Protein backbone atom coordinates (compact mmCIF):
# COMPACT_ATOMS: atom_id res chain seq x y z
CA UNK A 1 10.17 -185.45 -123.27
CA UNK A 2 10.40 -181.59 -122.30
CA UNK A 3 8.52 -180.90 -125.31
CA UNK A 4 5.60 -183.16 -124.90
CA UNK A 5 5.49 -182.14 -121.21
CA UNK A 6 5.49 -178.42 -122.28
CA UNK A 7 2.87 -179.08 -124.67
CA UNK A 8 1.11 -180.75 -122.63
CA UNK A 9 0.72 -177.98 -119.97
CA UNK A 10 -0.09 -176.02 -122.61
CA UNK A 11 -3.01 -177.92 -123.67
CA UNK A 12 -3.78 -178.43 -119.88
CA UNK A 13 -3.72 -174.73 -119.54
CA UNK A 14 -5.92 -173.88 -122.69
CA UNK A 15 -9.13 -175.81 -121.15
CA UNK A 16 -8.87 -174.06 -118.13
CA UNK A 17 -8.87 -170.69 -119.56
CA UNK A 18 -12.71 -170.46 -120.63
CA UNK A 19 -13.41 -171.51 -116.69
CA UNK A 20 -10.83 -169.13 -115.16
CA UNK A 21 -12.18 -166.27 -117.56
CA UNK A 22 -15.88 -167.14 -116.24
CA UNK A 23 -14.41 -166.90 -112.74
CA UNK A 24 -13.16 -163.58 -112.92
CA UNK A 25 -15.65 -161.81 -114.87
CA UNK A 26 -17.41 -158.62 -113.76
CA UNK A 27 -20.92 -159.06 -113.44
CA UNK A 28 -23.15 -155.53 -114.36
CA UNK A 29 -26.61 -155.42 -112.95
CA UNK A 30 -28.74 -152.69 -113.93
CA UNK A 31 -32.60 -152.06 -114.69
CA UNK A 32 -33.89 -153.24 -118.00
CA UNK A 33 -36.03 -150.17 -118.38
CA UNK A 34 -36.83 -146.73 -116.65
CA UNK A 35 -39.50 -144.06 -117.33
CA UNK A 36 -39.57 -140.40 -116.08
CA UNK A 37 -41.22 -137.61 -117.02
CA UNK A 38 -39.61 -134.62 -119.19
CA UNK A 39 -37.65 -132.08 -117.31
CA UNK A 40 -37.24 -134.03 -114.02
CA UNK A 41 -34.22 -135.88 -112.64
CA UNK A 42 -33.39 -139.63 -112.74
CA UNK A 43 -31.12 -141.71 -111.11
CA UNK A 44 -29.41 -144.63 -113.33
CA UNK A 45 -28.56 -147.32 -110.94
CA UNK A 46 -25.73 -149.60 -112.06
CA UNK A 47 -23.98 -152.54 -109.49
CA UNK A 48 -21.64 -154.87 -110.11
CA UNK A 49 -20.31 -157.94 -108.37
CA UNK A 50 -16.42 -159.19 -108.76
CA UNK A 51 -14.13 -161.84 -107.80
CA UNK A 52 -11.44 -159.92 -106.84
CA UNK A 53 -11.35 -157.05 -104.11
CA UNK A 54 -12.33 -153.29 -105.60
CA UNK A 55 -8.88 -152.30 -107.41
CA UNK A 56 -7.47 -149.10 -107.36
CA UNK A 57 -7.61 -149.64 -111.33
CA UNK A 58 -11.07 -150.17 -111.10
CA UNK A 59 -13.06 -148.16 -114.10
CA UNK A 60 -16.77 -147.26 -115.05
CA UNK A 61 -17.72 -146.12 -118.47
CA UNK A 62 -21.24 -145.18 -119.18
CA UNK A 63 -22.42 -144.54 -122.73
CA UNK A 64 -25.52 -143.56 -124.56
CA UNK A 65 -27.21 -144.86 -128.08
CA UNK A 66 -30.27 -142.94 -129.17
CA UNK A 67 -33.46 -144.62 -130.46
CA UNK A 68 -32.08 -143.91 -134.16
CA UNK A 69 -29.53 -146.32 -133.43
CA UNK A 70 -26.72 -143.72 -134.66
CA UNK A 71 -23.57 -144.06 -132.57
CA UNK A 72 -22.86 -144.30 -129.52
CA UNK A 73 -21.99 -141.18 -127.23
CA UNK A 74 -19.90 -140.93 -124.12
CA UNK A 75 -21.70 -139.97 -120.81
CA UNK A 76 -19.60 -140.27 -117.79
CA UNK A 77 -16.14 -142.13 -117.09
CA UNK A 78 -14.85 -143.19 -113.63
CA UNK A 79 -11.30 -144.13 -112.96
CA UNK A 80 -10.35 -143.01 -109.52
CA UNK A 81 -12.39 -139.87 -109.48
CA UNK A 82 -15.58 -139.06 -111.55
CA UNK A 83 -14.87 -137.36 -115.33
CA UNK A 84 -17.61 -135.37 -116.25
CA UNK A 85 -18.26 -135.28 -120.17
CA UNK A 86 -16.37 -132.24 -121.54
CA UNK A 87 -18.98 -131.88 -124.39
CA UNK A 88 -22.03 -133.38 -126.11
CA UNK A 89 -25.72 -133.48 -125.05
CA UNK A 90 -24.80 -134.55 -121.36
CA UNK A 91 -22.23 -132.02 -120.40
CA UNK A 92 -23.14 -130.41 -117.27
CA UNK A 93 -26.26 -132.82 -117.15
CA UNK A 94 -24.71 -135.83 -115.23
CA UNK A 95 -23.39 -136.35 -112.07
CA UNK A 96 -21.81 -139.44 -109.97
CA UNK A 97 -23.92 -140.82 -107.44
CA UNK A 98 -22.33 -144.07 -106.62
CA UNK A 99 -19.62 -145.73 -104.18
CA UNK A 100 -17.08 -148.34 -105.47
CA UNK A 101 -16.35 -150.07 -101.79
CA UNK A 102 -20.33 -150.64 -102.07
CA UNK A 103 -19.85 -152.00 -105.78
CA UNK A 104 -22.61 -149.27 -106.66
CA UNK A 105 -21.26 -147.10 -110.14
CA UNK A 106 -24.99 -145.24 -110.68
CA UNK A 107 -25.33 -141.78 -111.99
CA UNK A 108 -27.96 -139.07 -112.07
CA UNK A 109 -29.21 -137.55 -115.75
CA UNK A 110 -30.54 -134.07 -114.82
CA UNK A 111 -33.28 -132.04 -116.58
CA UNK A 112 -34.21 -135.15 -119.12
CA UNK A 113 -35.44 -134.61 -122.59
CA UNK A 114 -37.06 -136.39 -125.15
CA UNK A 115 -33.88 -136.84 -126.97
CA UNK A 116 -32.49 -138.57 -124.09
CA UNK A 117 -34.88 -141.82 -125.10
CA UNK A 118 -32.23 -144.54 -125.60
CA UNK A 119 -30.17 -147.13 -124.22
CA UNK A 120 -27.57 -146.13 -121.36
CA UNK A 121 -24.80 -149.04 -121.31
CA UNK A 122 -22.61 -149.59 -118.29
CA UNK A 123 -19.56 -151.27 -118.06
CA UNK A 124 -17.22 -151.77 -115.38
CA UNK A 125 -13.60 -153.30 -115.25
CA UNK A 126 -11.89 -154.21 -112.00
CA UNK A 127 -8.60 -155.56 -112.42
CA UNK A 128 -7.38 -158.32 -113.00
CA UNK A 129 -11.22 -158.71 -113.95
CA UNK A 130 -11.28 -157.04 -117.10
CA UNK A 131 -13.85 -158.97 -118.96
CA UNK A 132 -17.77 -159.42 -118.48
CA UNK A 133 -21.21 -158.39 -119.16
CA UNK A 134 -22.40 -155.08 -119.93
CA UNK A 135 -25.44 -153.40 -118.08
CA UNK A 136 -27.88 -151.56 -120.28
CA UNK A 137 -30.93 -149.48 -119.34
CA UNK A 138 -33.54 -148.59 -121.99
CA UNK A 139 -34.67 -144.67 -120.74
CA UNK A 140 -38.27 -143.82 -121.81
CA UNK A 141 -38.86 -140.02 -121.14
CA UNK A 142 -42.87 -139.05 -121.31
CA UNK A 143 -44.22 -135.76 -121.71
CA UNK A 144 -45.35 -134.25 -118.52
CA UNK A 145 -49.22 -133.14 -117.96
CA UNK A 146 -49.46 -129.42 -118.55
CA UNK A 147 -51.13 -126.93 -116.00
CA UNK A 148 -53.90 -126.33 -118.45
CA UNK A 149 -54.53 -130.13 -118.53
CA UNK A 150 -54.75 -130.60 -114.96
CA UNK A 151 -57.30 -127.94 -114.53
CA UNK A 152 -59.45 -129.31 -117.17
CA UNK A 153 -59.50 -132.48 -115.56
CA UNK A 154 -60.08 -131.26 -112.25
CA UNK A 155 -62.83 -128.95 -113.60
CA UNK A 156 -64.36 -132.27 -115.29
CA UNK A 157 -64.16 -134.42 -112.50
CA UNK A 158 -65.40 -131.69 -110.03
CA UNK A 159 -68.42 -130.84 -112.78
CA UNK A 160 -69.15 -134.56 -112.58
CA UNK A 161 -69.06 -135.05 -108.96
CA UNK A 162 -71.48 -131.95 -108.63
CA UNK A 163 -73.91 -133.24 -111.09
CA UNK A 164 -74.11 -136.44 -109.18
CA UNK A 165 -74.97 -134.77 -105.87
CA UNK A 166 -77.59 -132.90 -107.63
CA UNK A 167 -79.33 -135.99 -108.99
CA UNK A 168 -78.70 -137.97 -105.80
CA UNK A 169 -80.55 -134.67 -103.64
CA UNK A 170 -83.18 -134.58 -106.53
CA UNK A 171 -83.95 -137.99 -106.15
CA UNK A 172 -84.13 -138.26 -102.06
CA UNK A 173 -86.61 -135.07 -102.32
CA UNK A 174 -88.66 -136.63 -104.82
CA UNK A 175 -89.14 -139.49 -102.35
CA UNK A 176 -89.61 -137.32 -99.41
CA UNK A 177 -92.91 -135.48 -101.47
CA UNK A 178 -94.41 -138.77 -102.68
CA UNK A 179 -94.06 -139.99 -99.28
CA UNK A 180 -95.74 -136.73 -97.57
CA UNK A 181 -98.48 -136.78 -100.49
CA UNK A 182 -99.15 -140.78 -99.76
CA UNK A 183 -99.15 -140.00 -95.88
CA UNK A 184 -101.84 -136.85 -96.38
CA UNK A 185 -103.49 -139.30 -98.77
CA UNK A 186 -103.75 -141.85 -96.10
CA UNK A 187 -104.69 -139.19 -93.27
CA UNK A 188 -107.74 -137.66 -95.09
CA UNK A 189 -109.03 -141.44 -96.16
CA UNK A 190 -108.85 -142.23 -92.17
CA UNK A 191 -110.57 -139.00 -91.24
CA UNK A 192 -113.47 -139.79 -93.63
CA UNK A 193 -113.77 -143.11 -92.55
CA UNK A 194 -113.93 -141.94 -88.84
CA UNK A 195 -116.45 -139.35 -89.77
CA UNK A 196 -118.64 -141.67 -91.72
CA UNK A 197 -118.31 -144.46 -88.69
CA UNK A 198 -119.00 -141.34 -86.30
CA UNK A 199 -122.23 -140.31 -88.28
CA UNK A 200 -123.39 -143.58 -88.61
CA UNK A 201 -123.45 -144.22 -84.62
CA UNK A 202 -125.29 -141.08 -84.46
CA UNK A 203 -127.98 -141.96 -86.83
CA UNK A 204 -128.28 -145.23 -85.08
CA UNK A 205 -128.78 -143.70 -81.74
CA UNK A 206 -131.30 -141.22 -83.05
CA UNK A 207 -133.13 -144.36 -84.31
CA UNK A 208 -133.32 -146.42 -81.33
CA UNK A 209 -135.91 -144.19 -79.38
CA UNK A 210 -138.35 -144.40 -82.19
CA UNK A 211 -138.01 -148.21 -82.36
CA UNK A 212 -139.00 -148.35 -78.40
């Protein structure tokens, strides 16, 4: 009887383990993709949620996988205190920017380079929650615009603006000149008409005594 009871308890516990594991899992949240300019600094945000209070044994592991899908490289490690990488491409280029009490385990990558293109992973364990999701951030480093390109763009935009202003002024001046010419022609016609009417009136006056 005892053997059957023990076997039954094991079966019940085995059936409940998946639910317990899911309830005790750590959930990690990150941005899916981050775009940054070459030579700048970028904060890689990573937060987590846990069914347990923050443990003194909480650990954070950041790794990096280049775009060529070569082996993972260590980026940063936290256990009671931050540990910077002693070697590798991220030596002296990564700092801790998180607060475990606020469940923030973010880092900052300094002086980004094109070789930093790839995927960063953020993994958190918070005893007894030692399992859970792993956050991934895909970093894309783009080349910044050089001063010569900015200068050329500014000159091009400025030249186009000046040309547009010149064209508008030319159109306005032409319209004004046409209007003045039209006004002169209209004035001349009116003057000529008035002169003709005046001459006609004088002729009529001169002809009137002769008829009498």
